[in-house]
N, C-alpha and C. Protein backbone atom coordinates (compact mmCIF):
# COMPACT_ATOMS: atom_id res chain seq x y z
N MET A 1 21.64 -26.12 -26.83
CA MET A 1 22.14 -25.42 -25.66
C MET A 1 23.06 -26.30 -24.85
N SER A 2 23.85 -27.15 -25.50
CA SER A 2 24.63 -28.16 -24.80
C SER A 2 25.67 -27.56 -23.88
N ALA A 3 26.43 -26.53 -24.35
CA ALA A 3 27.47 -25.95 -23.50
C ALA A 3 26.87 -25.31 -22.27
N ILE A 4 25.78 -24.58 -22.45
CA ILE A 4 25.12 -23.93 -21.32
C ILE A 4 24.51 -24.97 -20.41
N ALA A 5 23.94 -26.04 -21.01
CA ALA A 5 23.32 -27.08 -20.21
C ALA A 5 24.32 -27.69 -19.25
N GLY A 6 25.58 -27.82 -19.70
CA GLY A 6 26.59 -28.38 -18.81
C GLY A 6 26.82 -27.50 -17.61
N VAL A 7 26.86 -26.19 -17.82
CA VAL A 7 27.02 -25.25 -16.71
C VAL A 7 25.81 -25.32 -15.79
N ILE A 8 24.61 -25.35 -16.40
CA ILE A 8 23.38 -25.37 -15.63
C ILE A 8 23.28 -26.64 -14.78
N ASP A 9 23.65 -27.77 -15.37
CA ASP A 9 23.56 -29.03 -14.64
C ASP A 9 24.45 -29.03 -13.42
N ARG A 10 25.63 -28.40 -13.54
CA ARG A 10 26.55 -28.38 -12.40
C ARG A 10 26.07 -27.43 -11.31
N ILE A 11 25.52 -26.29 -11.72
CA ILE A 11 25.10 -25.28 -10.76
C ILE A 11 23.77 -25.66 -10.11
N GLU A 12 22.92 -26.32 -10.86
CA GLU A 12 21.59 -26.69 -10.39
C GLU A 12 20.83 -25.49 -9.83
N PRO A 13 20.65 -24.43 -10.63
CA PRO A 13 19.91 -23.26 -10.15
C PRO A 13 18.47 -23.62 -9.84
N VAL A 14 17.95 -23.05 -8.73
CA VAL A 14 16.61 -23.41 -8.27
C VAL A 14 15.57 -22.40 -8.73
N SER A 15 15.82 -21.12 -8.51
CA SER A 15 14.82 -20.10 -8.79
C SER A 15 14.93 -19.61 -10.23
N ILE A 16 13.90 -18.88 -10.68
CA ILE A 16 13.94 -18.27 -12.00
C ILE A 16 15.12 -17.33 -12.11
N GLY A 17 15.32 -16.52 -11.09
CA GLY A 17 16.44 -15.58 -11.11
C GLY A 17 17.78 -16.27 -11.19
N GLU A 18 17.94 -17.35 -10.45
CA GLU A 18 19.20 -18.10 -10.49
C GLU A 18 19.42 -18.73 -11.85
N ARG A 19 18.36 -19.19 -12.50
CA ARG A 19 18.47 -19.78 -13.84
C ARG A 19 18.87 -18.73 -14.87
N ILE A 20 18.29 -17.53 -14.75
CA ILE A 20 18.69 -16.45 -15.66
C ILE A 20 20.18 -16.15 -15.47
N LYS A 21 20.60 -16.04 -14.23
CA LYS A 21 22.00 -15.72 -13.93
C LYS A 21 22.93 -16.80 -14.45
N ALA A 22 22.59 -18.08 -14.23
CA ALA A 22 23.44 -19.18 -14.67
C ALA A 22 23.56 -19.21 -16.18
N ALA A 23 22.43 -19.05 -16.88
CA ALA A 23 22.45 -19.07 -18.33
C ALA A 23 23.21 -17.87 -18.89
N ARG A 24 23.05 -16.72 -18.25
CA ARG A 24 23.78 -15.52 -18.70
C ARG A 24 25.28 -15.72 -18.57
N LYS A 25 25.70 -16.22 -17.42
CA LYS A 25 27.13 -16.45 -17.21
C LYS A 25 27.67 -17.53 -18.12
N GLY A 26 26.81 -18.51 -18.46
CA GLY A 26 27.22 -19.56 -19.39
C GLY A 26 27.56 -19.01 -20.76
N LEU A 27 26.99 -17.87 -21.12
CA LEU A 27 27.29 -17.20 -22.39
C LEU A 27 28.29 -16.07 -22.22
N SER A 28 28.84 -15.93 -21.01
CA SER A 28 29.83 -14.87 -20.71
C SER A 28 29.26 -13.48 -20.96
N LEU A 29 27.97 -13.32 -20.63
CA LEU A 29 27.33 -12.01 -20.74
C LEU A 29 27.27 -11.36 -19.37
N ASN A 30 27.40 -10.04 -19.34
CA ASN A 30 27.13 -9.34 -18.09
C ASN A 30 25.68 -8.88 -18.07
N GLN A 31 25.24 -8.31 -16.96
CA GLN A 31 23.84 -7.93 -16.86
C GLN A 31 23.45 -6.87 -17.88
N SER A 32 24.35 -5.97 -18.17
CA SER A 32 24.07 -4.93 -19.17
C SER A 32 23.90 -5.52 -20.56
N ASP A 33 24.70 -6.55 -20.87
CA ASP A 33 24.58 -7.21 -22.17
C ASP A 33 23.19 -7.82 -22.33
N LEU A 34 22.73 -8.54 -21.28
CA LEU A 34 21.42 -9.17 -21.35
C LEU A 34 20.32 -8.11 -21.41
N ALA A 35 20.48 -7.05 -20.64
CA ALA A 35 19.49 -5.98 -20.64
C ALA A 35 19.32 -5.39 -22.04
N GLU A 36 20.43 -5.19 -22.73
CA GLU A 36 20.36 -4.63 -24.08
C GLU A 36 19.68 -5.59 -25.05
N LYS A 37 19.94 -6.89 -24.89
CA LYS A 37 19.36 -7.87 -25.79
C LYS A 37 17.84 -7.95 -25.66
N VAL A 38 17.31 -7.77 -24.43
CA VAL A 38 15.86 -7.93 -24.23
C VAL A 38 15.13 -6.60 -24.06
N GLY A 39 15.87 -5.48 -24.11
CA GLY A 39 15.24 -4.17 -24.11
C GLY A 39 14.81 -3.66 -22.75
N VAL A 40 15.61 -3.96 -21.72
CA VAL A 40 15.32 -3.44 -20.39
C VAL A 40 16.58 -2.77 -19.85
N THR A 41 16.51 -2.29 -18.61
CA THR A 41 17.68 -1.69 -17.99
C THR A 41 18.46 -2.73 -17.19
N GLN A 42 19.72 -2.42 -16.92
CA GLN A 42 20.54 -3.34 -16.13
C GLN A 42 19.95 -3.58 -14.74
N PRO A 43 19.42 -2.56 -14.04
CA PRO A 43 18.80 -2.83 -12.74
C PRO A 43 17.64 -3.82 -12.81
N ALA A 44 16.92 -3.83 -13.94
CA ALA A 44 15.82 -4.78 -14.08
C ALA A 44 16.36 -6.21 -14.08
N VAL A 45 17.46 -6.43 -14.80
CA VAL A 45 18.09 -7.75 -14.81
C VAL A 45 18.58 -8.11 -13.41
N ALA A 46 19.18 -7.14 -12.73
CA ALA A 46 19.67 -7.38 -11.37
C ALA A 46 18.52 -7.76 -10.44
N ASN A 47 17.37 -7.13 -10.61
CA ASN A 47 16.20 -7.46 -9.78
C ASN A 47 15.70 -8.87 -10.06
N TRP A 48 15.70 -9.26 -11.33
CA TRP A 48 15.30 -10.64 -11.64
C TRP A 48 16.22 -11.64 -10.96
N GLU A 49 17.51 -11.41 -11.11
CA GLU A 49 18.48 -12.38 -10.62
C GLU A 49 18.55 -12.44 -9.10
N SER A 50 18.25 -11.33 -8.44
CA SER A 50 18.30 -11.31 -6.98
C SER A 50 16.97 -11.73 -6.36
N GLY A 51 15.95 -11.93 -7.19
CA GLY A 51 14.66 -12.38 -6.68
C GLY A 51 13.77 -11.27 -6.18
N VAL A 52 14.06 -10.02 -6.53
CA VAL A 52 13.17 -8.93 -6.14
C VAL A 52 11.80 -9.12 -6.80
N HIS A 53 11.81 -9.48 -8.07
CA HIS A 53 10.57 -9.86 -8.75
C HIS A 53 10.95 -10.69 -9.97
N ASP A 54 9.98 -11.39 -10.53
CA ASP A 54 10.21 -12.24 -11.70
C ASP A 54 9.75 -11.53 -12.96
N PRO A 55 10.42 -11.81 -14.09
CA PRO A 55 9.91 -11.28 -15.36
C PRO A 55 8.59 -11.96 -15.73
N ARG A 56 7.75 -11.23 -16.42
CA ARG A 56 6.48 -11.78 -16.86
C ARG A 56 6.70 -12.76 -18.02
N ARG A 57 5.62 -13.48 -18.34
CA ARG A 57 5.74 -14.58 -19.29
C ARG A 57 6.30 -14.14 -20.64
N LEU A 58 5.81 -13.03 -21.18
CA LEU A 58 6.31 -12.57 -22.47
C LEU A 58 7.78 -12.21 -22.39
N MET A 59 8.20 -11.60 -21.28
CA MET A 59 9.60 -11.26 -21.12
C MET A 59 10.45 -12.52 -20.94
N LEU A 60 9.90 -13.52 -20.26
CA LEU A 60 10.62 -14.79 -20.10
C LEU A 60 10.98 -15.38 -21.46
N ALA A 61 10.05 -15.30 -22.41
CA ALA A 61 10.31 -15.83 -23.74
C ALA A 61 11.46 -15.08 -24.41
N LYS A 62 11.50 -13.77 -24.26
CA LYS A 62 12.59 -12.98 -24.84
C LYS A 62 13.92 -13.32 -24.18
N ILE A 63 13.89 -13.48 -22.84
CA ILE A 63 15.12 -13.82 -22.11
C ILE A 63 15.62 -15.20 -22.55
N ALA A 64 14.69 -16.14 -22.66
CA ALA A 64 15.07 -17.49 -23.07
C ALA A 64 15.72 -17.49 -24.45
N GLU A 65 15.16 -16.71 -25.36
CA GLU A 65 15.73 -16.63 -26.70
C GLU A 65 17.12 -16.00 -26.66
N ALA A 66 17.27 -14.94 -25.85
CA ALA A 66 18.57 -14.27 -25.76
C ALA A 66 19.63 -15.16 -25.13
N LEU A 67 19.21 -16.05 -24.22
CA LEU A 67 20.16 -16.90 -23.50
C LEU A 67 20.25 -18.30 -24.09
N ASN A 68 19.51 -18.56 -25.16
CA ASN A 68 19.56 -19.86 -25.83
C ASN A 68 19.15 -21.00 -24.90
N VAL A 69 18.11 -20.75 -24.12
CA VAL A 69 17.53 -21.80 -23.28
C VAL A 69 16.03 -21.83 -23.56
N SER A 70 15.35 -22.83 -23.04
CA SER A 70 13.91 -22.92 -23.30
C SER A 70 13.13 -22.08 -22.29
N THR A 71 12.01 -21.54 -22.76
CA THR A 71 11.13 -20.79 -21.88
C THR A 71 10.62 -21.69 -20.75
N GLU A 72 10.34 -22.94 -21.09
CA GLU A 72 9.83 -23.88 -20.09
C GLU A 72 10.83 -24.08 -18.96
N TRP A 73 12.12 -24.16 -19.32
CA TRP A 73 13.14 -24.36 -18.28
C TRP A 73 13.23 -23.14 -17.37
N LEU A 74 13.20 -21.94 -17.96
CA LEU A 74 13.25 -20.72 -17.14
C LEU A 74 12.02 -20.64 -16.24
N ALA A 75 10.85 -20.82 -16.83
CA ALA A 75 9.59 -20.67 -16.06
C ALA A 75 9.43 -21.78 -15.04
N GLY A 76 10.16 -22.88 -15.19
CA GLY A 76 10.05 -23.99 -14.25
C GLY A 76 10.78 -23.76 -12.95
N GLY A 77 11.53 -22.66 -12.84
CA GLY A 77 12.23 -22.36 -11.60
C GLY A 77 11.27 -21.86 -10.53
N GLU A 78 11.72 -21.90 -9.29
CA GLU A 78 10.90 -21.39 -8.20
C GLU A 78 10.74 -19.90 -8.35
N ARG A 79 9.56 -19.41 -8.02
CA ARG A 79 9.28 -17.98 -8.16
C ARG A 79 9.83 -17.24 -6.95
N SER A 80 10.06 -15.94 -7.13
CA SER A 80 10.58 -15.11 -6.05
C SER A 80 9.53 -14.99 -4.95
N LEU A 81 9.98 -14.61 -3.74
CA LEU A 81 9.05 -14.46 -2.62
C LEU A 81 7.97 -13.44 -2.93
N ALA A 82 8.36 -12.36 -3.63
CA ALA A 82 7.37 -11.32 -3.95
C ALA A 82 6.28 -11.85 -4.87
N GLU A 83 6.65 -12.82 -5.75
CA GLU A 83 5.68 -13.35 -6.69
C GLU A 83 4.85 -14.48 -6.11
N THR A 84 5.43 -15.25 -5.18
CA THR A 84 4.70 -16.38 -4.63
C THR A 84 3.82 -16.00 -3.46
N ASP A 85 4.05 -14.81 -2.89
CA ASP A 85 3.30 -14.40 -1.70
C ASP A 85 1.96 -13.83 -2.12
N LYS A 86 1.06 -14.70 -2.57
CA LYS A 86 -0.23 -14.27 -3.12
C LYS A 86 -1.41 -14.61 -2.22
N HIS A 87 -1.16 -15.09 -1.01
CA HIS A 87 -2.24 -15.41 -0.10
C HIS A 87 -3.04 -14.15 0.20
N PRO A 88 -4.37 -14.25 0.34
CA PRO A 88 -5.17 -13.05 0.60
C PRO A 88 -4.71 -12.25 1.81
N ALA A 89 -4.10 -12.93 2.79
CA ALA A 89 -3.65 -12.23 4.00
C ALA A 89 -2.23 -11.71 3.87
N ALA A 90 -1.56 -12.00 2.75
CA ALA A 90 -0.14 -11.67 2.65
C ALA A 90 0.12 -10.18 2.74
N ALA A 91 -0.67 -9.38 2.02
CA ALA A 91 -0.45 -7.93 2.05
C ALA A 91 -0.64 -7.38 3.46
N TYR A 92 -1.62 -7.92 4.19
CA TYR A 92 -1.86 -7.48 5.56
C TYR A 92 -0.68 -7.85 6.45
N ILE A 93 -0.20 -9.08 6.31
CA ILE A 93 0.88 -9.56 7.17
C ILE A 93 2.17 -8.78 6.94
N ARG A 94 2.38 -8.35 5.70
CA ARG A 94 3.62 -7.63 5.39
C ARG A 94 3.61 -6.20 5.93
N ARG A 95 2.44 -5.66 6.23
CA ARG A 95 2.39 -4.28 6.70
C ARG A 95 2.95 -4.17 8.11
N PRO A 96 3.69 -3.10 8.40
CA PRO A 96 4.28 -2.97 9.74
C PRO A 96 3.24 -2.67 10.81
N LEU A 97 3.54 -3.09 12.03
CA LEU A 97 2.68 -2.79 13.18
C LEU A 97 3.09 -1.43 13.74
N ARG A 98 2.14 -0.52 13.80
CA ARG A 98 2.43 0.83 14.28
C ARG A 98 1.64 1.11 15.57
N HIS A 99 2.34 1.62 16.57
CA HIS A 99 1.69 2.02 17.81
C HIS A 99 1.11 3.42 17.57
N THR A 100 -0.20 3.45 17.41
CA THR A 100 -0.88 4.65 16.92
C THR A 100 -1.43 5.47 18.08
N PRO A 101 -1.07 6.76 18.14
CA PRO A 101 -1.57 7.59 19.24
C PRO A 101 -3.06 7.89 19.10
N ILE A 102 -3.78 7.77 20.20
CA ILE A 102 -5.19 8.17 20.25
C ILE A 102 -5.23 9.58 20.79
N ILE A 103 -5.79 10.50 20.02
CA ILE A 103 -5.80 11.91 20.41
C ILE A 103 -7.23 12.44 20.35
N SER A 104 -7.41 13.67 20.82
CA SER A 104 -8.73 14.30 20.78
C SER A 104 -8.97 14.91 19.40
N PHE A 105 -10.23 15.25 19.13
CA PHE A 105 -10.56 15.91 17.87
C PHE A 105 -9.90 17.28 17.78
N ASP A 106 -9.80 17.97 18.90
CA ASP A 106 -9.15 19.30 18.89
C ASP A 106 -7.67 19.17 18.53
N ASP A 107 -7.01 18.17 19.10
CA ASP A 107 -5.60 17.96 18.77
C ASP A 107 -5.45 17.53 17.32
N ALA A 108 -6.43 16.80 16.81
CA ALA A 108 -6.40 16.42 15.40
C ALA A 108 -6.48 17.65 14.51
N ALA A 109 -7.30 18.61 14.90
CA ALA A 109 -7.42 19.84 14.11
C ALA A 109 -6.10 20.58 14.04
N ARG A 110 -5.31 20.51 15.11
CA ARG A 110 -4.03 21.21 15.13
C ARG A 110 -3.04 20.64 14.12
N LEU A 111 -3.22 19.39 13.75
CA LEU A 111 -2.33 18.79 12.75
C LEU A 111 -2.50 19.46 11.40
N LEU A 112 -3.67 20.08 11.19
CA LEU A 112 -3.90 20.80 9.94
C LEU A 112 -3.48 22.25 10.06
N THR A 113 -3.78 22.87 11.18
CA THR A 113 -3.46 24.29 11.34
C THR A 113 -1.99 24.51 11.72
N ASP A 114 -1.36 23.51 12.32
CA ASP A 114 0.05 23.60 12.69
C ASP A 114 0.78 22.37 12.16
N PRO A 115 1.37 22.47 10.97
CA PRO A 115 2.03 21.31 10.36
C PRO A 115 3.14 20.70 11.21
N ALA A 116 3.69 21.48 12.15
CA ALA A 116 4.76 20.96 13.00
C ALA A 116 4.23 20.16 14.18
N SER A 117 2.91 20.15 14.35
CA SER A 117 2.31 19.45 15.48
C SER A 117 2.54 17.94 15.35
N ASP A 118 2.77 17.29 16.49
CA ASP A 118 3.05 15.85 16.53
C ASP A 118 1.97 15.15 17.34
N PRO A 119 1.22 14.22 16.75
CA PRO A 119 0.15 13.56 17.50
C PRO A 119 0.66 12.77 18.71
N HIS A 120 1.91 12.36 18.69
CA HIS A 120 2.46 11.62 19.83
C HIS A 120 2.58 12.53 21.06
N ALA A 121 2.74 13.83 20.82
CA ALA A 121 2.89 14.77 21.93
C ALA A 121 1.59 14.94 22.71
N SER A 122 0.46 14.63 22.07
CA SER A 122 -0.84 14.80 22.75
C SER A 122 -1.57 13.47 22.90
N ALA A 123 -0.84 12.37 22.81
CA ALA A 123 -1.46 11.05 22.88
C ALA A 123 -2.10 10.80 24.24
N GLN A 124 -3.35 10.37 24.23
CA GLN A 124 -4.05 9.98 25.45
C GLN A 124 -3.85 8.49 25.72
N ASP A 125 -3.59 7.75 24.67
CA ASP A 125 -3.35 6.31 24.77
C ASP A 125 -2.81 5.87 23.41
N TYR A 126 -2.54 4.59 23.28
CA TYR A 126 -2.05 4.04 22.01
C TYR A 126 -2.82 2.77 21.67
N ILE A 127 -2.93 2.51 20.38
CA ILE A 127 -3.53 1.27 19.92
C ILE A 127 -2.66 0.72 18.79
N PRO A 128 -2.34 -0.58 18.81
CA PRO A 128 -1.53 -1.15 17.73
C PRO A 128 -2.36 -1.29 16.46
N VAL A 129 -1.82 -0.80 15.37
CA VAL A 129 -2.51 -0.84 14.08
C VAL A 129 -1.54 -1.34 13.03
N THR A 130 -1.97 -2.29 12.22
CA THR A 130 -1.17 -2.76 11.10
C THR A 130 -1.50 -1.91 9.89
N SER A 131 -0.52 -1.12 9.46
CA SER A 131 -0.79 -0.17 8.38
C SER A 131 0.48 0.15 7.62
N GLY A 132 0.32 0.35 6.32
CA GLY A 132 1.42 0.81 5.50
C GLY A 132 1.59 2.31 5.56
N ALA A 133 0.58 3.01 6.08
CA ALA A 133 0.67 4.47 6.21
C ALA A 133 1.54 4.84 7.40
N GLU A 134 2.34 5.86 7.26
CA GLU A 134 3.27 6.27 8.31
C GLU A 134 2.70 7.35 9.21
N LYS A 135 1.89 8.25 8.67
CA LYS A 135 1.39 9.39 9.43
C LYS A 135 -0.06 9.13 9.83
N ILE A 136 -0.23 8.42 10.93
CA ILE A 136 -1.57 8.06 11.37
C ILE A 136 -1.77 8.39 12.84
N PHE A 137 -3.03 8.63 13.18
CA PHE A 137 -3.45 8.76 14.57
C PHE A 137 -4.86 8.20 14.67
N ALA A 138 -5.38 8.12 15.85
CA ALA A 138 -6.72 7.58 16.04
C ALA A 138 -7.54 8.50 16.92
N VAL A 139 -8.86 8.49 16.71
CA VAL A 139 -9.78 9.26 17.53
C VAL A 139 -10.97 8.38 17.90
N PHE A 140 -11.50 8.58 19.10
CA PHE A 140 -12.76 7.94 19.47
C PHE A 140 -13.90 8.69 18.79
N VAL A 141 -14.78 7.95 18.15
CA VAL A 141 -15.91 8.56 17.46
C VAL A 141 -17.19 8.34 18.27
N ASP A 142 -17.83 9.42 18.63
CA ASP A 142 -19.11 9.36 19.34
C ASP A 142 -20.01 10.41 18.70
N ASP A 143 -20.50 10.10 17.53
CA ASP A 143 -21.25 11.07 16.73
C ASP A 143 -22.44 10.34 16.11
N GLU A 144 -23.63 10.72 16.55
CA GLU A 144 -24.85 10.08 16.07
C GLU A 144 -25.03 10.26 14.57
N ALA A 145 -24.40 11.29 14.02
CA ALA A 145 -24.55 11.56 12.59
C ALA A 145 -23.85 10.51 11.72
N VAL A 146 -22.94 9.74 12.30
CA VAL A 146 -22.24 8.69 11.53
C VAL A 146 -22.28 7.35 12.26
N ASP A 147 -23.33 7.13 13.07
CA ASP A 147 -23.34 5.94 13.91
C ASP A 147 -23.55 4.63 13.13
N LEU A 148 -24.03 4.72 11.90
CA LEU A 148 -24.13 3.51 11.10
C LEU A 148 -22.75 3.01 10.66
N ALA A 149 -21.86 3.94 10.37
CA ALA A 149 -20.50 3.58 9.96
C ALA A 149 -19.56 3.46 11.15
N PHE A 150 -19.80 4.27 12.18
CA PHE A 150 -18.93 4.29 13.35
C PHE A 150 -19.79 4.23 14.61
N PRO A 151 -20.20 3.04 15.02
CA PRO A 151 -21.03 2.92 16.23
C PRO A 151 -20.28 3.45 17.44
N LYS A 152 -21.03 3.69 18.49
CA LYS A 152 -20.43 4.19 19.73
C LYS A 152 -19.28 3.28 20.16
N ASN A 153 -18.25 3.89 20.72
CA ASN A 153 -17.04 3.19 21.15
C ASN A 153 -16.22 2.62 19.99
N THR A 154 -16.29 3.35 18.87
CA THR A 154 -15.45 2.99 17.72
C THR A 154 -14.27 3.95 17.65
N ILE A 155 -13.12 3.39 17.33
CA ILE A 155 -11.92 4.20 17.09
C ILE A 155 -11.71 4.27 15.58
N ALA A 156 -11.54 5.47 15.06
CA ALA A 156 -11.23 5.66 13.65
C ALA A 156 -9.76 6.01 13.51
N VAL A 157 -9.08 5.29 12.65
CA VAL A 157 -7.66 5.55 12.38
C VAL A 157 -7.57 6.47 11.17
N ILE A 158 -6.91 7.60 11.37
CA ILE A 158 -6.85 8.65 10.35
C ILE A 158 -5.44 8.72 9.76
N ASP A 159 -5.36 8.71 8.45
CA ASP A 159 -4.09 8.90 7.75
C ASP A 159 -3.99 10.38 7.37
N TYR A 160 -3.21 11.13 8.16
CA TYR A 160 -3.12 12.56 7.86
C TYR A 160 -2.00 12.86 6.86
N GLY A 161 -1.38 11.81 6.34
CA GLY A 161 -0.44 11.98 5.24
C GLY A 161 -1.14 11.89 3.90
N ASP A 162 -2.40 11.50 3.90
CA ASP A 162 -3.18 11.38 2.68
C ASP A 162 -4.38 12.31 2.76
N ARG A 163 -4.30 13.41 2.05
CA ARG A 163 -5.37 14.40 2.07
C ARG A 163 -6.02 14.56 0.70
N ARG A 164 -6.10 13.44 0.00
CA ARG A 164 -6.80 13.45 -1.29
C ARG A 164 -8.29 13.25 -1.05
N LEU A 165 -9.10 14.09 -1.65
CA LEU A 165 -10.54 13.97 -1.53
C LEU A 165 -11.04 12.93 -2.52
N VAL A 166 -11.56 11.83 -2.00
CA VAL A 166 -12.02 10.72 -2.84
C VAL A 166 -13.52 10.57 -2.67
N ASP A 167 -14.24 10.61 -3.77
CA ASP A 167 -15.69 10.50 -3.73
C ASP A 167 -16.10 9.19 -3.06
N GLY A 168 -16.95 9.29 -2.05
CA GLY A 168 -17.46 8.12 -1.35
C GLY A 168 -16.66 7.68 -0.16
N ALA A 169 -15.50 8.32 0.09
CA ALA A 169 -14.64 7.91 1.19
C ALA A 169 -14.89 8.76 2.44
N PHE A 170 -14.75 8.14 3.60
CA PHE A 170 -14.87 8.88 4.85
C PHE A 170 -13.56 9.58 5.18
N GLY A 171 -13.70 10.78 5.74
CA GLY A 171 -12.53 11.53 6.14
C GLY A 171 -12.83 12.38 7.36
N LEU A 172 -11.78 12.94 7.91
CA LEU A 172 -11.91 13.87 9.03
C LEU A 172 -11.71 15.27 8.49
N PHE A 173 -12.77 16.07 8.59
CA PHE A 173 -12.77 17.41 8.01
C PHE A 173 -12.81 18.47 9.11
N LEU A 174 -12.27 19.62 8.80
CA LEU A 174 -12.28 20.73 9.74
C LEU A 174 -13.22 21.81 9.22
N LEU A 175 -14.36 21.97 9.90
CA LEU A 175 -15.33 22.99 9.54
C LEU A 175 -15.31 24.09 10.60
N GLU A 176 -16.15 25.10 10.42
CA GLU A 176 -16.16 26.23 11.36
C GLU A 176 -16.50 25.78 12.77
N ASP A 177 -17.36 24.79 12.89
CA ASP A 177 -17.78 24.31 14.22
C ASP A 177 -16.80 23.29 14.80
N GLY A 178 -15.77 22.95 14.06
CA GLY A 178 -14.79 22.00 14.55
C GLY A 178 -14.65 20.79 13.64
N PRO A 179 -13.78 19.87 14.02
CA PRO A 179 -13.56 18.69 13.17
C PRO A 179 -14.68 17.67 13.30
N LEU A 180 -14.99 17.00 12.20
CA LEU A 180 -15.99 15.94 12.21
C LEU A 180 -15.69 14.94 11.10
N ILE A 181 -16.21 13.75 11.29
CA ILE A 181 -16.05 12.69 10.30
C ILE A 181 -17.32 12.60 9.46
N ARG A 182 -17.13 12.66 8.14
CA ARG A 182 -18.25 12.53 7.21
C ARG A 182 -17.75 11.83 5.94
N ARG A 183 -18.70 11.42 5.12
CA ARG A 183 -18.38 10.85 3.82
C ARG A 183 -18.37 11.96 2.78
N PHE A 184 -17.28 12.07 2.02
CA PHE A 184 -17.17 13.11 1.00
C PHE A 184 -17.87 12.67 -0.28
N ARG A 185 -18.65 13.60 -0.84
CA ARG A 185 -19.26 13.37 -2.14
C ARG A 185 -18.88 14.52 -3.06
N ASP A 186 -18.60 14.17 -4.33
CA ASP A 186 -18.00 15.13 -5.24
C ASP A 186 -19.00 15.90 -6.08
N ASN A 187 -20.12 15.29 -6.45
CA ASN A 187 -21.00 15.94 -7.41
C ASN A 187 -22.47 15.77 -7.01
N PRO A 188 -23.08 16.82 -6.40
CA PRO A 188 -22.45 18.08 -6.00
C PRO A 188 -21.58 17.87 -4.75
N MET A 189 -20.65 18.78 -4.53
CA MET A 189 -19.72 18.64 -3.43
C MET A 189 -20.44 18.80 -2.09
N ARG A 190 -20.30 17.76 -1.25
CA ARG A 190 -21.00 17.77 0.03
C ARG A 190 -20.37 16.75 0.98
N LEU A 191 -20.70 16.88 2.25
CA LEU A 191 -20.30 15.91 3.26
C LEU A 191 -21.56 15.23 3.77
N GLU A 192 -21.60 13.91 3.63
CA GLU A 192 -22.82 13.19 3.96
C GLU A 192 -22.71 12.48 5.30
N PRO A 193 -23.82 12.41 6.03
CA PRO A 193 -23.86 11.63 7.27
C PRO A 193 -24.05 10.15 6.95
N ALA A 194 -24.00 9.34 7.98
CA ALA A 194 -24.34 7.91 7.87
C ALA A 194 -25.04 7.56 9.18
N SER A 195 -26.25 8.06 9.31
CA SER A 195 -26.93 8.04 10.59
C SER A 195 -28.13 7.11 10.60
N SER A 196 -28.42 6.59 11.78
CA SER A 196 -29.60 5.74 11.96
C SER A 196 -30.87 6.56 12.13
N THR A 197 -30.72 7.89 12.17
CA THR A 197 -31.88 8.77 12.27
C THR A 197 -31.89 9.72 11.09
N ALA A 198 -33.03 10.36 10.88
CA ALA A 198 -33.17 11.31 9.78
C ALA A 198 -32.86 12.74 10.21
N ALA A 199 -32.30 12.89 11.41
CA ALA A 199 -32.06 14.23 11.94
C ALA A 199 -30.87 14.93 11.30
N TYR A 200 -30.06 14.20 10.58
CA TYR A 200 -28.83 14.79 10.04
C TYR A 200 -28.86 14.73 8.51
N GLY A 201 -28.59 15.86 7.92
CA GLY A 201 -28.57 15.94 6.47
C GLY A 201 -27.17 16.23 5.97
N PRO A 202 -27.01 16.28 4.67
CA PRO A 202 -25.70 16.57 4.09
C PRO A 202 -25.29 18.01 4.32
N ILE A 203 -24.00 18.23 4.37
CA ILE A 203 -23.44 19.58 4.47
C ILE A 203 -22.96 19.96 3.07
N HIS A 204 -23.63 20.88 2.44
CA HIS A 204 -23.28 21.27 1.07
C HIS A 204 -22.11 22.26 1.10
N LEU A 205 -21.24 22.13 0.13
CA LEU A 205 -20.00 22.90 0.11
C LEU A 205 -19.90 23.71 -1.18
N ASN A 206 -19.35 24.92 -1.05
CA ASN A 206 -19.07 25.75 -2.21
C ASN A 206 -17.63 25.61 -2.68
N ALA A 207 -16.80 25.05 -1.83
CA ALA A 207 -15.39 24.86 -2.16
C ALA A 207 -14.89 23.62 -1.40
N ALA A 208 -13.73 23.14 -1.79
CA ALA A 208 -13.15 21.97 -1.13
C ALA A 208 -12.96 22.26 0.35
N PRO A 209 -13.36 21.34 1.23
CA PRO A 209 -13.26 21.58 2.66
C PRO A 209 -11.83 21.39 3.17
N ASP A 210 -11.55 21.95 4.33
CA ASP A 210 -10.28 21.67 4.99
C ASP A 210 -10.29 20.20 5.42
N PHE A 211 -9.30 19.49 5.00
CA PHE A 211 -9.27 18.04 5.13
C PHE A 211 -8.09 17.61 5.99
N ILE A 212 -8.36 17.03 7.15
CA ILE A 212 -7.30 16.61 8.07
C ILE A 212 -6.69 15.30 7.60
N GLY A 213 -7.51 14.38 7.16
CA GLY A 213 -6.99 13.10 6.69
C GLY A 213 -8.10 12.10 6.43
N CYS A 214 -7.75 11.04 5.71
CA CYS A 214 -8.75 10.04 5.36
C CYS A 214 -8.83 8.97 6.44
N VAL A 215 -9.99 8.37 6.57
CA VAL A 215 -10.18 7.26 7.51
C VAL A 215 -9.64 5.99 6.88
N ARG A 216 -8.66 5.37 7.53
CA ARG A 216 -8.07 4.15 6.99
C ARG A 216 -8.80 2.90 7.48
N VAL A 217 -9.16 2.90 8.76
CA VAL A 217 -9.81 1.73 9.34
C VAL A 217 -10.55 2.17 10.58
N SER A 218 -11.59 1.42 10.97
CA SER A 218 -12.28 1.69 12.23
C SER A 218 -12.24 0.42 13.07
N ILE A 219 -12.14 0.61 14.38
CA ILE A 219 -12.00 -0.51 15.31
C ILE A 219 -13.05 -0.35 16.41
N ARG A 220 -13.89 -1.33 16.56
CA ARG A 220 -14.93 -1.29 17.60
C ARG A 220 -14.34 -1.78 18.91
N ILE A 221 -14.47 -0.98 19.94
CA ILE A 221 -13.97 -1.34 21.27
C ILE A 221 -15.13 -1.84 22.10
N HIS A 222 -15.01 -3.05 22.63
CA HIS A 222 -16.09 -3.63 23.44
C HIS A 222 -15.73 -3.59 24.92
């Protein structure tokens, strides 16, 4: 790889993407040419070179062979930010901070019965929440039937953009008596309490309940 090595030595590419780009240009290939050689699309090559993400190890070997460089040299470059950001808190830190409206249970029910309803229009207050979900609101929970999961003075953040019924997950449901938070169970279909007393039992269902949204997080207010 002497001719390419001369180009590489002068450019001194740092990242994996920069090394792919330098080696590709050293062979006078465009991104589409390289994509065809390794069996991917041109946008995939563009993403590698711009640092959107790095190719996996097996793909690195194919790229190295196509570009007449060593796999070790390619893999020795710095990884993209998306690949190196593996700290346990990284996903949390990347999520945007959303000023979430705190609304009443009745106003929450209107989000289901009136799709045009806006929780910001009925906000009683706001709480900052770090979340990747865009359609969220919060409610104060004061329900003895779920006090083990949501003690008094707990705020539950509801994602009303996600209305998938997931077995074992808490959600805000709309029943004949009004909205309430319960844990959904699929087999048999029911809504379960999470209470410190035995006074509350499961609500058995014959059909899927009206579902306002899933509980994303709960926040205890002291």
